Protein backbone atom coordinates (compact mmCIF):
# COMPACT_ATOMS: atom_id res chain seq x y z
CA UNK A 1 -33.19 11.03 -32.05
CA UNK A 2 -29.06 11.00 -31.16
CA UNK A 3 -29.97 7.85 -28.83
CA UNK A 4 -31.24 5.31 -31.96
CA UNK A 5 -27.99 7.10 -33.98
CA UNK A 6 -26.03 5.19 -31.11
CA UNK A 7 -27.38 1.46 -31.15
CA UNK A 8 -27.30 1.80 -34.97
CA UNK A 9 -23.62 2.14 -34.78
CA UNK A 10 -22.91 0.28 -32.05
CA UNK A 11 -24.42 -2.80 -34.80
CA UNK A 12 -22.12 -1.67 -37.28
CA UNK A 13 -19.17 -1.58 -35.54
CA UNK A 14 -19.42 -4.77 -34.15
CA UNK A 15 -20.00 -5.82 -37.85
CA UNK A 16 -16.84 -4.38 -39.17
CA UNK A 17 -15.13 -8.10 -37.49
CA UNK A 18 -14.31 -10.45 -40.61
CA UNK A 19 -11.37 -11.91 -38.65
CA UNK A 20 -11.21 -14.77 -36.02
CA UNK A 21 -12.94 -14.18 -32.89
CA UNK A 22 -11.97 -11.65 -30.08
CA UNK A 23 -9.03 -12.27 -29.22
CA UNK A 24 -8.35 -12.24 -25.08
CA UNK A 25 -4.79 -11.40 -25.77
CA UNK A 26 -3.39 -8.95 -23.39
CA UNK A 27 -0.09 -6.99 -25.27
CA UNK A 28 -1.24 -6.50 -29.13
CA UNK A 29 1.22 -6.43 -31.48
CA UNK A 30 0.17 -6.44 -34.86
CA UNK A 31 -2.53 -3.94 -36.28
CA UNK A 32 -4.85 -7.10 -35.69
CA UNK A 33 -4.48 -6.96 -32.49
CA UNK A 34 -5.20 -3.68 -31.54
CA UNK A 35 -8.32 -3.67 -34.19
CA UNK A 36 -9.66 -6.36 -32.16
CA UNK A 37 -8.85 -5.31 -28.82
CA UNK A 38 -10.49 -2.11 -29.73
CA UNK A 39 -13.71 -4.75 -30.45
CA UNK A 40 -13.66 -6.17 -26.81
CA UNK A 41 -13.81 -2.61 -25.44
CA UNK A 42 -16.53 -1.56 -27.42
CA UNK A 43 -18.62 -4.23 -26.38
CA UNK A 44 -17.22 -3.26 -21.95
CA UNK A 45 -18.41 0.17 -23.40
CA UNK A 46 -15.10 1.65 -23.16
CA UNK A 47 -15.23 4.03 -26.05
CA UNK A 48 -12.03 5.87 -24.82
CA UNK A 49 -10.01 3.12 -24.86
CA UNK A 50 -11.43 1.68 -27.99
CA UNK A 51 -11.02 4.77 -29.80
CA UNK A 52 -6.91 4.31 -28.82
CA UNK A 53 -6.85 0.62 -29.62
CA UNK A 54 -8.54 0.99 -32.92
CA UNK A 55 -6.10 4.30 -33.68
CA UNK A 56 -3.12 2.25 -32.70
CA UNK A 57 -4.21 -0.22 -35.83
CA UNK A 58 -4.66 2.83 -37.96
CA UNK A 59 -1.15 3.85 -37.12
CA UNK A 60 -0.18 0.01 -38.25
CA UNK A 61 -2.30 -0.55 -41.25
CA UNK A 62 -3.53 2.19 -42.80
CA UNK A 63 -5.45 0.77 -45.51
CA UNK A 64 -8.25 -1.01 -43.74
CA UNK A 65 -11.41 1.04 -44.64
CA UNK A 66 -13.11 -0.59 -41.55
CA UNK A 67 -10.57 0.42 -38.67
CA UNK A 68 -11.29 3.89 -39.79
CA UNK A 69 -15.14 3.56 -40.14
CA UNK A 70 -14.55 2.11 -36.13
CA UNK A 71 -12.54 5.11 -35.19
CA UNK A 72 -15.25 7.19 -36.36
CA UNK A 73 -18.12 4.86 -34.23
CA UNK A 74 -16.10 5.41 -31.56
CA UNK A 75 -15.84 9.10 -31.77
CA UNK A 76 -19.71 9.18 -32.51
CA UNK A 77 -20.01 7.22 -29.15
CA UNK A 78 -18.07 9.75 -27.49
CA UNK A 79 -20.18 12.95 -28.98
CA UNK A 80 -17.44 13.94 -31.05
CA UNK A 81 -19.03 13.78 -34.46
CA UNK A 82 -16.84 16.56 -35.73
CA UNK A 83 -14.19 14.25 -35.19
CA UNK A 84 -15.79 11.45 -36.74
CA UNK A 85 -16.84 12.76 -40.30
CA UNK A 86 -13.06 13.09 -40.65
CA UNK A 87 -12.43 8.93 -39.80
CA UNK A 88 -15.29 7.99 -41.96
CA UNK A 89 -14.32 10.23 -44.91
CA UNK A 90 -11.39 7.91 -44.76
CA UNK A 91 -12.83 5.04 -45.04
CA UNK A 92 -15.55 6.08 -47.70
CA UNK A 93 -12.41 6.82 -49.51
CA UNK A 94 -10.44 3.70 -48.84
CA UNK A 95 -13.68 1.84 -49.69
CA UNK A 96 -15.60 4.29 -51.63
CA UNK A 97 -18.44 0.91 -52.77
CA UNK A 98 -19.11 0.05 -49.49
CA UNK A 99 -22.56 0.86 -48.21
CA UNK A 100 -21.86 0.79 -44.60
CA UNK A 101 -18.97 3.29 -44.73
CA UNK A 102 -21.41 5.77 -46.20
CA UNK A 103 -23.90 4.95 -43.41
CA UNK A 104 -21.90 5.77 -41.15
CA UNK A 105 -20.45 9.10 -42.89
CA UNK A 106 -24.48 10.07 -43.44
CA UNK A 107 -25.39 9.64 -39.93
CA UNK A 108 -21.99 11.89 -38.50
CA UNK A 109 -22.77 14.28 -41.22
CA UNK A 110 -26.23 14.34 -39.71
CA UNK A 111 -24.82 14.88 -36.02
CA UNK A 112 -23.07 17.83 -37.40
CA UNK A 113 -26.32 19.28 -39.07
CA UNK A 114 -25.05 18.59 -42.41
CA UNK A 115 -28.69 17.53 -43.32
CA UNK A 116 -27.77 17.91 -47.45
CA UNK A 117 -24.33 15.95 -47.59
CA UNK A 118 -26.03 13.37 -45.06
CA UNK A 119 -28.71 12.09 -47.09
CA UNK A 120 -26.51 12.15 -50.01
CA UNK A 121 -24.12 9.72 -48.75
CA UNK A 122 -27.41 8.11 -47.20
CA UNK A 123 -29.09 7.74 -50.67
CA UNK A 124 -25.84 6.48 -52.07
CA UNK A 125 -25.90 3.75 -49.40
CA UNK A 126 -29.09 2.62 -50.54
CA UNK A 127 -28.08 2.62 -54.27
CA UNK A 128 -24.52 0.77 -53.35
CA UNK A 129 -26.94 -1.95 -51.21
CA UNK A 130 -30.41 -2.19 -52.87
CA UNK A 131 -30.93 -5.14 -50.25
CA UNK A 132 -30.13 -3.28 -46.93
CA UNK A 133 -32.48 -2.36 -44.38
CA UNK A 134 -30.10 -0.45 -42.50
CA UNK A 135 -29.27 1.91 -45.30
CA UNK A 136 -32.65 2.50 -45.77
CA UNK A 137 -33.25 2.72 -42.05
CA UNK A 138 -30.34 5.15 -42.04
CA UNK A 139 -31.65 7.65 -45.07
CA UNK A 140 -35.64 7.38 -43.20
CA UNK A 141 -33.96 8.88 -40.08
CA UNK A 142 -31.91 11.49 -41.60
CA UNK A 143 -34.70 12.72 -43.48
CA UNK A 144 -36.52 13.07 -40.34
CA UNK A 145 -33.76 14.97 -38.49
CA UNK A 146 -33.65 17.52 -41.42
CA UNK A 147 -37.22 18.26 -41.37
CA UNK A 148 -38.26 16.18 -44.68
CA UNK A 149 -40.69 13.99 -43.33
CA UNK A 150 -42.67 13.46 -45.86
CA UNK A 151 -39.56 12.78 -48.27
CA UNK A 152 -38.96 10.70 -44.64
CA UNK A 153 -42.60 8.58 -44.87
CA UNK A 154 -42.07 8.29 -48.60
CA UNK A 155 -38.64 6.19 -47.87
CA UNK A 156 -40.39 4.27 -45.16
CA UNK A 157 -42.99 3.22 -47.04
CA UNK A 158 -41.43 2.11 -49.77
CA UNK A 159 -38.31 0.19 -47.39
CA UNK A 160 -41.46 -1.75 -45.80
CA UNK A 161 -42.72 -3.04 -48.94
CA UNK A 162 -39.03 -4.80 -49.28
CA UNK A 163 -38.62 -5.26 -45.59
CA UNK A 164 -42.02 -5.75 -44.17
CA UNK A 165 -40.34 -8.90 -41.38
CA UNK A 166 -37.64 -6.22 -40.39
CA UNK A 167 -38.17 -5.36 -36.71
CA UNK A 168 -35.95 -2.06 -36.69
CA UNK A 169 -37.39 -0.96 -39.76
CA UNK A 170 -40.94 -1.63 -38.43
CA UNK A 171 -39.98 0.10 -35.11
CA UNK A 172 -38.74 3.40 -37.34
CA UNK A 173 -41.33 3.51 -39.17
CA UNK A 174 -43.68 3.60 -36.68
CA UNK A 175 -41.77 6.35 -34.69
CA UNK A 176 -42.32 8.42 -37.34
CA UNK A 177 -45.53 7.48 -38.29
CA UNK A 178 -46.53 8.54 -34.60
CA UNK A 179 -44.40 11.59 -34.26
CA UNK A 180 -46.10 13.11 -37.68
CA UNK A 181 -49.81 12.00 -36.53
CA UNK A 182 -50.32 8.99 -38.69
CA UNK A 183 -51.56 7.27 -36.46
CA UNK A 184 -53.79 4.69 -37.76
CA UNK A 185 -51.34 3.44 -39.57
CA UNK A 186 -48.48 3.85 -36.43
CA UNK A 187 -50.82 1.67 -34.37
CA UNK A 188 -50.74 -0.90 -37.60
CA UNK A 189 -46.94 -1.28 -37.12
CA UNK A 190 -46.65 -1.61 -33.81
CA UNK A 191 -49.54 -4.37 -33.76
CA UNK A 192 -47.16 -6.23 -36.18
CA UNK A 193 -44.42 -5.48 -33.97
CA UNK A 194 -46.04 -6.75 -30.74
CA UNK A 195 -47.26 -10.30 -32.36
CA UNK A 196 -43.05 -10.29 -33.72
CA UNK A 197 -42.42 -9.89 -29.95
CA UNK A 198 -45.22 -10.99 -27.51
CA UNK A 199 -43.05 -10.37 -24.32
CA UNK A 200 -41.89 -6.33 -25.48
CA UNK A 201 -43.35 -4.07 -23.12
CA UNK A 202 -41.91 -1.38 -25.21
CA UNK A 203 -44.50 -2.18 -27.90
CA UNK A 204 -47.20 -3.44 -25.56
CA UNK A 205 -46.76 1.01 -24.43
CA UNK A 206 -46.85 2.35 -27.70
CA UNK A 207 -49.71 0.27 -28.30
CA UNK A 208 -51.32 2.09 -25.15
CA UNK A 209 -49.56 5.56 -26.79
CA UNK A 210 -51.78 5.12 -30.25
CA UNK A 211 -54.44 4.19 -28.33
CA UNK A 212 -55.30 6.99 -26.64
CA UNK A 213 -54.09 9.33 -29.61
CA UNK A 214 -57.04 7.02 -31.63
CA UNK A 215 -59.57 7.48 -28.30
CA UNK A 216 -59.75 3.98 -28.49
CA UNK A 217 -59.47 4.06 -24.24
CA UNK A 218 -60.67 0.45 -22.88
CA UNK A 219 -57.66 -0.78 -25.86
CA UNK A 220 -55.02 1.83 -24.04
CA UNK A 221 -55.81 0.60 -20.56
CA UNK A 222 -55.46 -3.00 -21.97
CA UNK A 223 -52.50 -2.29 -23.71
CA UNK A 224 -50.62 -0.30 -20.56
CA UNK A 225 -51.78 -2.89 -17.95
CA UNK A 226 -50.37 -6.06 -20.02
CA UNK A 227 -47.37 -3.92 -20.39
CA UNK A 228 -47.42 -3.57 -16.80
CA UNK A 229 -47.77 -7.35 -16.49
CA UNK A 230 -45.00 -7.69 -18.59
CA UNK A 231 -43.15 -5.89 -16.04
CA UNK A 232 -42.66 -2.44 -14.41
CA UNK A 233 -42.05 0.07 -16.68
CA UNK A 234 -42.87 3.93 -15.51
CA UNK A 235 -44.00 4.16 -19.57
CA UNK A 236 -47.00 1.97 -18.95
CA UNK A 237 -48.09 3.84 -15.83
CA UNK A 238 -47.70 6.99 -17.36
CA UNK A 239 -50.02 6.30 -20.37
CA UNK A 240 -52.42 4.22 -18.08
CA UNK A 241 -52.48 8.12 -16.38
CA UNK A 242 -53.22 9.57 -19.89
CA UNK A 243 -56.47 7.83 -20.17
CA UNK A 244 -57.37 8.88 -16.90
CA UNK A 245 -56.43 12.18 -17.29
CA UNK A 246 -58.11 12.37 -20.37
CA UNK A 247 -61.56 11.09 -19.27
CA UNK A 248 -61.08 13.36 -16.06
CA UNK A 249 -60.38 10.51 -13.88
CA UNK A 250 -58.29 12.43 -11.83
CA UNK A 251 -57.63 10.58 -8.77
CA UNK A 252 -56.42 7.03 -10.64
CA UNK A 253 -54.53 9.36 -13.18
CA UNK A 254 -52.34 10.76 -10.03
CA UNK A 255 -52.17 7.47 -8.84
CA UNK A 256 -50.87 6.16 -12.21
CA UNK A 257 -47.93 9.36 -12.80
CA UNK A 258 -47.05 8.79 -9.40
CA UNK A 259 -45.95 4.96 -10.03
CA UNK A 260 -44.73 6.58 -13.14
CA UNK A 261 -42.43 8.59 -11.06
CA UNK A 262 -41.11 5.99 -8.32
CA UNK A 263 -40.34 4.00 -11.44
CA UNK A 264 -38.04 6.60 -13.05
CA UNK A 265 -38.08 10.16 -11.33
CA UNK A 266 -36.16 11.95 -14.77
CA UNK A 267 -39.72 11.56 -16.54
CA UNK A 268 -40.84 15.42 -16.57
CA UNK A 269 -44.18 14.84 -18.21
CA UNK A 270 -45.86 12.83 -15.83
CA UNK A 271 -44.15 15.50 -13.08
CA UNK A 272 -46.12 17.73 -15.33
CA UNK A 273 -49.44 15.34 -16.08
CA UNK A 274 -49.30 14.60 -12.03
CA UNK A 275 -49.66 18.28 -11.28
CA UNK A 276 -52.38 18.49 -13.83
CA UNK A 277 -53.85 16.10 -12.29
CA UNK A 278 -53.54 17.43 -8.42
CA UNK A 279 -54.73 20.78 -9.39
CA UNK A 280 -58.06 18.68 -10.85
CA UNK A 281 -58.43 17.44 -7.90
CA UNK A 282 -57.63 20.77 -5.80
CA UNK A 283 -54.55 19.87 -4.06
CA UNK A 284 -52.75 23.51 -5.32
CA UNK A 285 -49.77 22.19 -3.08
CA UNK A 286 -49.15 18.84 -4.40
CA UNK A 287 -49.80 20.22 -7.80
CA UNK A 288 -47.13 22.94 -7.04
CA UNK A 289 -44.58 20.91 -5.75
CA UNK A 290 -44.92 18.27 -9.54
CA UNK A 291 -44.99 21.37 -11.23
CA UNK A 292 -41.94 22.66 -9.66
CA UNK A 293 -40.14 19.51 -10.45
CA UNK A 294 -41.14 19.46 -14.23
CA UNK A 295 -39.36 22.68 -14.26
CA UNK A 296 -36.55 21.88 -12.69
CA UNK A 297 -36.18 18.69 -14.95
CA UNK A 298 -36.85 20.82 -18.08
CA UNK A 299 -36.81 24.28 -17.37
CA UNK A 300 -36.74 25.34 -21.08
CA UNK A 301 -40.46 23.87 -21.90
CA UNK A 302 -42.95 26.70 -22.16
CA UNK A 303 -45.86 25.11 -21.11
CA UNK A 304 -44.07 23.55 -17.36
CA UNK A 305 -42.91 27.18 -16.85
CA UNK A 306 -46.73 28.76 -17.36
CA UNK A 307 -48.93 25.85 -15.74
CA UNK A 308 -46.41 26.55 -12.54
CA UNK A 309 -46.52 30.10 -12.75
CA UNK A 310 -50.48 30.18 -13.46
CA UNK A 311 -51.02 27.82 -9.79
CA UNK A 312 -49.11 29.47 -8.13
CA UNK A 313 -51.13 32.81 -8.64
CA UNK A 314 -54.14 30.93 -8.39
CA UNK A 315 -52.64 29.65 -4.42
CA UNK A 316 -51.57 33.47 -4.13
CA UNK A 317 -47.92 33.03 -4.12
CA UNK A 318 -47.75 36.06 -6.12
CA UNK A 319 -43.92 37.00 -5.84
CA UNK A 320 -42.85 33.42 -6.59
CA UNK A 321 -45.24 32.99 -9.84
CA UNK A 322 -43.37 35.77 -11.79
CA UNK A 323 -40.43 33.74 -12.36
CA UNK A 324 -41.75 30.94 -14.28
CA UNK A 325 -43.97 33.29 -16.04
CA UNK A 326 -41.12 35.53 -16.94
CA UNK A 327 -39.71 32.46 -18.29
CA UNK A 328 -43.17 31.41 -20.08
CA UNK A 329 -43.17 34.64 -21.65
CA UNK A 330 -39.10 34.67 -22.91
CA UNK A 331 -39.50 31.34 -24.51
CA UNK A 332 -42.57 32.60 -26.55
CA UNK A 333 -43.13 35.94 -26.01
CA UNK A 334 -46.53 35.89 -28.62
CA UNK A 335 -48.31 34.53 -25.86
CA UNK A 336 -51.39 36.08 -24.66
CA UNK A 337 -51.88 33.88 -21.50
CA UNK A 338 -48.55 33.73 -20.92
CA UNK A 339 -48.04 37.71 -20.78
CA UNK A 340 -51.66 37.72 -18.99
CA UNK A 341 -50.36 35.98 -16.44
CA UNK A 342 -47.16 37.51 -15.75
CA UNK A 343 -49.62 40.58 -15.78
CA UNK A 344 -51.21 39.69 -12.91
CA UNK A 345 -48.64 38.22 -10.81
CA UNK A 346 -46.70 41.59 -11.15
CA UNK A 347 -49.76 43.46 -9.95
CA UNK A 348 -50.93 41.21 -7.67
CA UNK A 349 -47.08 41.64 -6.14
CA UNK A 350 -47.32 45.56 -6.49
CA UNK A 351 -44.90 45.57 -9.38
CA UNK A 352 -47.36 48.09 -10.93
CA UNK A 353 -45.25 49.77 -13.79
CA UNK A 354 -43.57 46.64 -14.67
CA UNK A 355 -47.23 45.36 -14.71
CA UNK A 356 -48.73 47.85 -16.74
CA UNK A 357 -45.94 47.17 -19.65
CA UNK A 358 -46.36 43.48 -19.66
CA UNK A 359 -50.74 44.20 -20.31
CA UNK A 360 -49.99 47.07 -22.53
CA UNK A 361 -48.31 44.03 -24.88
CA UNK A 362 -51.29 41.88 -24.02
CA UNK A 363 -53.67 44.44 -25.09
CA UNK A 364 -51.67 45.36 -28.21
CA UNK A 365 -51.83 41.10 -29.31
CA UNK A 366 -55.91 41.33 -28.75
CA UNK A 367 -57.25 44.94 -28.64
CA UNK A 368 -60.52 45.36 -26.55
CA UNK A 369 -60.25 42.20 -24.56
CA UNK A 370 -62.19 42.91 -21.25
CA UNK A 371 -60.02 40.54 -18.79
CA UNK A 372 -57.09 42.56 -19.95
CA UNK A 373 -58.89 46.02 -19.55
CA UNK A 374 -59.98 45.32 -16.51
CA UNK A 375 -56.85 43.93 -15.27
CA UNK A 376 -54.92 47.01 -16.12
CA UNK A 377 -57.80 49.41 -14.00
CA UNK A 378 -57.15 47.64 -11.49
CA UNK A 379 -53.34 47.74 -11.79
CA UNK A 380 -54.12 52.13 -12.27
CA UNK A 381 -55.98 52.18 -9.39
CA UNK A 382 -53.86 50.51 -7.34
CA UNK A 383 -51.12 52.43 -8.42
CA UNK A 384 -52.75 55.78 -7.55
CA UNK A 385 -54.06 54.23 -4.47
CA UNK A 386 -50.35 53.97 -3.41
CA UNK A 387 -50.01 57.53 -3.97
CA UNK A 388 -52.52 58.24 -1.38
CA UNK A 389 -51.01 56.03 1.43
CA UNK A 390 -49.31 59.56 3.15
CA UNK A 391 -52.39 61.16 3.06
CA UNK A 392 -54.95 57.99 4.49
CA UNK A 393 -52.57 57.52 6.77
CA UNK A 394 -52.64 60.92 8.18
CA UNK A 395 -56.38 60.96 7.83
CA UNK A 396 -55.84 57.76 10.30
CA UNK A 397 -53.86 59.52 12.76
CA UNK A 398 -56.50 62.26 12.90
CA UNK A 399 -59.22 60.26 13.06
CA UNK A 400 -58.36 57.76 15.68
CA UNK A 401 -62.34 56.20 15.83
CA UNK A 402 -62.05 55.66 12.07
CA UNK A 403 -62.79 52.00 11.29
CA UNK A 404 -63.33 52.50 7.35
CA UNK A 405 -59.89 55.00 6.89
CA UNK A 406 -58.34 52.14 8.69
CA UNK A 407 -59.92 49.26 6.28
CA UNK A 408 -59.27 51.14 3.26
CA UNK A 409 -55.66 51.27 4.50
CA UNK A 410 -54.94 47.29 5.19
CA UNK A 411 -57.10 46.59 1.88
CA UNK A 412 -53.95 48.80 -0.02
CA UNK A 413 -51.55 47.94 1.91
CA UNK A 414 -52.37 44.50 1.71
CA UNK A 415 -52.53 44.43 -2.06
CA UNK A 416 -49.07 46.31 -2.38
CA UNK A 417 -47.44 43.10 -0.44
CA UNK A 418 -46.79 45.50 2.98
CA UNK A 419 -48.74 43.37 4.96
CA UNK A 420 -46.58 44.36 8.00
CA UNK A 421 -48.23 47.91 7.85
CA UNK A 422 -51.39 46.71 6.87
CA UNK A 423 -51.25 44.44 10.07
CA UNK A 424 -51.10 47.46 12.12
CA UNK A 425 -54.21 49.24 10.85
CA UNK A 426 -55.57 45.72 11.19
CA UNK A 427 -55.09 45.56 15.05
CA UNK A 428 -56.06 49.10 15.74
CA UNK A 429 -59.69 47.93 14.26
CA UNK A 430 -59.27 44.81 16.48
CA UNK A 431 -59.07 47.24 18.93
CA UNK A 432 -62.76 49.39 18.54
CA UNK A 433 -64.47 46.11 17.76
CA UNK A 434 -66.62 46.85 15.18
CA UNK A 435 -69.73 45.25 15.29
CA UNK A 436 -69.65 45.12 11.36
CA UNK A 437 -69.11 41.70 10.31
CA UNK A 438 -68.26 42.58 6.34
CA UNK A 439 -65.28 44.31 7.96
CA UNK A 440 -63.96 41.31 9.32
CA UNK A 441 -64.38 39.19 6.21
CA UNK A 442 -62.37 41.92 4.03
CA UNK A 443 -59.45 41.90 6.23
CA UNK A 444 -60.05 37.81 5.72
CA UNK A 445 -59.88 38.32 2.29
CA UNK A 446 -56.93 40.54 3.24
CA UNK A 447 -55.34 38.20 5.14
CA UNK A 448 -56.19 34.72 2.59
CA UNK A 449 -54.59 36.96 -0.56
CA UNK A 450 -51.47 37.13 1.53
CA UNK A 451 -51.07 33.68 1.72
CA UNK A 452 -51.99 34.35 5.93
CA UNK A 453 -54.13 31.49 6.00
CA UNK A 454 -54.01 31.41 10.05
CA UNK A 455 -54.91 34.73 10.01
CA UNK A 456 -57.12 34.64 7.49
CA UNK A 457 -59.22 32.16 9.31
CA UNK A 458 -59.15 33.83 12.49
CA UNK A 459 -60.62 36.94 11.07
CA UNK A 460 -63.26 34.43 9.90
CA UNK A 461 -64.07 32.94 13.27
CA UNK A 462 -64.22 36.62 14.16
CA UNK A 463 -66.97 37.43 12.06
CA UNK A 464 -68.93 34.04 13.11
CA UNK A 465 -69.01 35.53 16.44
CA UNK A 466 -71.21 38.41 15.57
CA UNK A 467 -73.57 36.07 13.37
CA UNK A 468 -73.58 33.04 11.75
CA UNK A 469 -72.57 34.03 8.04
CA UNK A 470 -72.59 31.92 4.84
CA UNK A 471 -69.55 33.94 3.59
CA UNK A 472 -67.57 33.18 6.28
CA UNK A 473 -68.58 29.85 6.54
CA UNK A 474 -67.78 29.36 3.18
CA UNK A 475 -63.73 31.03 3.29
CA UNK A 476 -63.75 28.62 6.42
CA UNK A 477 -64.08 25.70 3.75
CA UNK A 478 -61.82 27.01 1.09
CA UNK A 479 -58.94 27.14 4.08
CA UNK A 480 -59.58 23.95 5.46
CA UNK A 481 -59.70 22.40 1.71
CA UNK A 482 -56.60 24.30 1.39
CA UNK A 483 -55.09 22.15 4.65
CA UNK A 484 -56.62 19.30 3.58
CA UNK A 485 -58.93 19.08 6.38
CA UNK A 486 -61.82 17.39 4.44
CA UNK A 487 -63.99 16.77 7.93
CA UNK A 488 -63.93 20.62 9.09
CA UNK A 489 -64.57 21.92 5.50
CA UNK A 490 -67.63 19.80 4.71
CA UNK A 491 -68.56 21.35 7.91
CA UNK A 492 -68.21 24.58 6.81
CA UNK A 493 -69.60 24.29 3.20
CA UNK A 494 -72.85 21.82 5.16
CA UNK A 495 -73.66 25.30 6.72
CA UNK A 496 -73.09 27.45 3.88
CA UNK A 497 -75.92 25.45 2.38
CA UNK A 498 -78.17 25.61 5.69
CA UNK A 499 -77.65 29.52 5.81
CA UNK A 500 -78.38 30.40 2.23
CA UNK A 501 -80.06 27.52 0.48
CA UNK A 502 -80.35 28.94 -2.62
CA UNK A 503 -76.53 28.35 -3.85
CA UNK A 504 -75.96 25.71 -6.80
CA UNK A 505 -72.28 27.02 -7.28
CA UNK A 506 -71.31 26.19 -3.61
CA UNK A 507 -72.96 23.08 -3.27
CA UNK A 508 -71.06 22.14 -6.60
CA UNK A 509 -67.84 22.76 -4.47
CA UNK A 510 -69.64 20.65 -1.53
CA UNK A 511 -70.43 17.74 -3.76
CA UNK A 512 -66.92 18.19 -5.47
CA UNK A 513 -65.19 17.17 -1.48
CA UNK A 514 -67.60 14.57 -0.61
CA UNK A 515 -66.77 12.97 -4.03
CA UNK A 516 -63.38 13.57 -3.50
CA UNK A 517 -63.57 12.14 0.53
CA UNK A 518 -64.85 8.84 -0.71
CA UNK A 519 -68.41 9.84 0.29
CA UNK A 520 -70.33 9.27 -3.83
CA UNK A 521 -73.50 8.83 -2.93
CA UNK A 522 -73.79 11.92 -0.65
CA UNK A 523 -72.01 13.76 -4.12
CA UNK A 524 -74.28 13.04 -6.01
CA UNK A 525 -77.44 13.95 -4.09
CA UNK A 526 -75.69 17.39 -4.05
CA UNK A 527 -74.55 17.58 -7.46
CA UNK A 528 -78.27 16.71 -8.09
CA UNK A 529 -79.19 19.55 -6.06
CA UNK A 530 -77.38 22.20 -7.66
CA UNK A 531 -78.38 21.15 -11.07
CA UNK A 532 -82.13 21.70 -10.07
CA UNK A 533 -81.31 25.61 -9.66
CA UNK A 534 -78.90 25.31 -12.34
CA UNK A 535 -79.12 22.88 -15.38
CA UNK A 536 -76.27 24.21 -17.62
CA UNK A 537 -73.48 23.64 -15.24
CA UNK A 538 -71.02 21.28 -17.32
CA UNK A 539 -68.78 20.49 -14.53
CA UNK A 540 -71.59 19.92 -12.21
CA UNK A 541 -73.63 17.54 -15.43
CA UNK A 542 -70.32 15.88 -15.64
CA UNK A 543 -69.02 14.30 -12.01
CA UNK A 544 -72.64 13.56 -11.84
CA UNK A 545 -72.47 11.27 -15.34
CA UNK A 546 -69.42 9.82 -13.87
CA UNK A 547 -70.37 9.10 -10.14
CA UNK A 548 -73.80 7.69 -11.36
CA UNK A 549 -72.10 5.26 -13.74
CA UNK A 550 -69.49 4.57 -10.72
CA UNK A 551 -72.27 3.79 -8.96
CA UNK A 552 -73.86 1.88 -10.95
CA UNK A 553 -76.95 3.47 -12.69
CA UNK A 554 -75.37 3.45 -16.10
CA UNK A 555 -78.84 4.79 -17.90
CA UNK A 556 -78.53 8.04 -15.56
CA UNK A 557 -75.23 8.74 -16.51
CA UNK A 558 -76.18 8.43 -20.12
CA UNK A 559 -79.18 10.66 -19.17
CA UNK A 560 -76.26 13.25 -17.91
CA UNK A 561 -74.39 12.37 -20.99
CA UNK A 562 -77.34 13.67 -23.17
CA UNK A 563 -77.51 17.08 -20.97
CA UNK A 564 -74.12 17.64 -21.45
CA UNK A 565 -73.84 17.34 -25.08
CA UNK A 566 -76.43 20.75 -25.30
CA UNK A 567 -74.71 22.35 -23.27
CA UNK A 568 -70.61 21.55 -23.81
CA UNK A 569 -69.91 19.38 -26.51
CA UNK A 570 -66.26 19.52 -25.54
CA UNK A 571 -66.46 17.89 -21.92
CA UNK A 572 -69.65 15.57 -23.34
CA UNK A 573 -67.03 13.89 -25.72
CA UNK A 574 -64.69 12.86 -22.62
CA UNK A 575 -68.06 11.59 -20.47
CA UNK A 576 -68.71 9.36 -23.18
CA UNK A 577 -65.28 8.29 -23.94
CA UNK A 578 -65.50 8.08 -19.91
CA UNK A 579 -68.59 5.56 -19.96
CA UNK A 580 -67.56 3.17 -22.91
CA UNK A 581 -64.69 1.87 -20.58
CA UNK A 582 -67.62 1.11 -17.94
CA UNK A 583 -69.89 -1.34 -20.57
């Protein structure tokens, strides 16, 4: 918001010069000389030096209201609004009927959060000069900053009736309406601006944003691409990515967000949506890296912290998940999702006492919630198990050939994040060389939960030495996918389905990986097989519809849309929007 004020202030500052052209005189002597030197320094953005020049001018001639106003403007540009207020008050005292000085005072007061007097001064500026669009823009802006949105919209509507062709007024009004969710009105104003300035990248970007909000996706894409034709602008790529993201086209979305970031490495929302897109594509490492950067750039953002913590938890990085989830809870203590997420990360990292406290708070928010109650039960069970570790170790010592007690110890110690101890018992199990495939599958789970994927892979392969087990192949597929070893993962998925052909959910995962690997037709056939057994699987229906459209079979895509409407109306809406841009 302050950026708009500063741009506004410069315009006024330059307009105060009623003298001849700015002098290039190097040794100013008079008040006029110092005034002109200050003006020249402002054009060079040397605000500290400009302030000194204007103050010297005021010392030599303290009766010039414009000089005091320029002192106020320079102070505002230096982020010293409280001092600026005093300078503008002096300008208003010397020239009480000049609306421009009232505007400057209004803006400085607003920057110091003195909203009531700021509004009064801007209203007086409008009264003094009813033909000043600048006074109305300033009034609209301070009302907006004071959160008096209804009054700001009223001032905007009145101003537009009087100054319909004023570009800055149109822009300020369009932004106000966009902020307040009046997307149709905002779009109308930006369409006018785009007609006035057809080469403006900004206005095309804003058109794309408004079209996106109104779910006019084809027009949003066209506007974003028009902006990119005019010049490579990060926001054009960002809103292009947002459209693709809303349509579930995660490859295209991720590419657009990466382009935006390449042009503006501080565009925090681009990192956030890139993280979400990568997560949808199953690329957890890239998703986490993008969200880490979003949090670094904007550490007080609840959504960034909560989503980063969730992804770290999903990736078994429980200790690292705790910090962003704690931050999310601190930012929004009433968020059920953040509290549950923090509780999960805490108990998975072995912090049982604190986990129970956090989960108790979550349970207070939503009594009787099955998920919360399950987490509480698991936490208490693990806590009780920890108390038995010494006893179980003695049992293992007394029974050197007991595989089961060693497996229970390995699981309990692994869940408690005491992997060094757990591995002692895992090695003892391996020396005993049991032939039960499930033992190795459990050990693989322990390693995977601890983030030790290499050792989890080793255990899955060990299980396969005993028998061709679908669970072992599924473990391999999951690990290979996380590593980006697509071909190996595809082979593992194929073996799961060969051994256990009645696995529709596994078929859906297999189809997702085929799709991500560019094998669209094979993916579509696998989605079809999955849907034959599980016809209400909404994500599979959606993906089959998208692939059918991309492969040119719009009739089949529409049939999938009809199926989806009965299963998941929200996802059906997304597919419908996607199909509209395929025509």
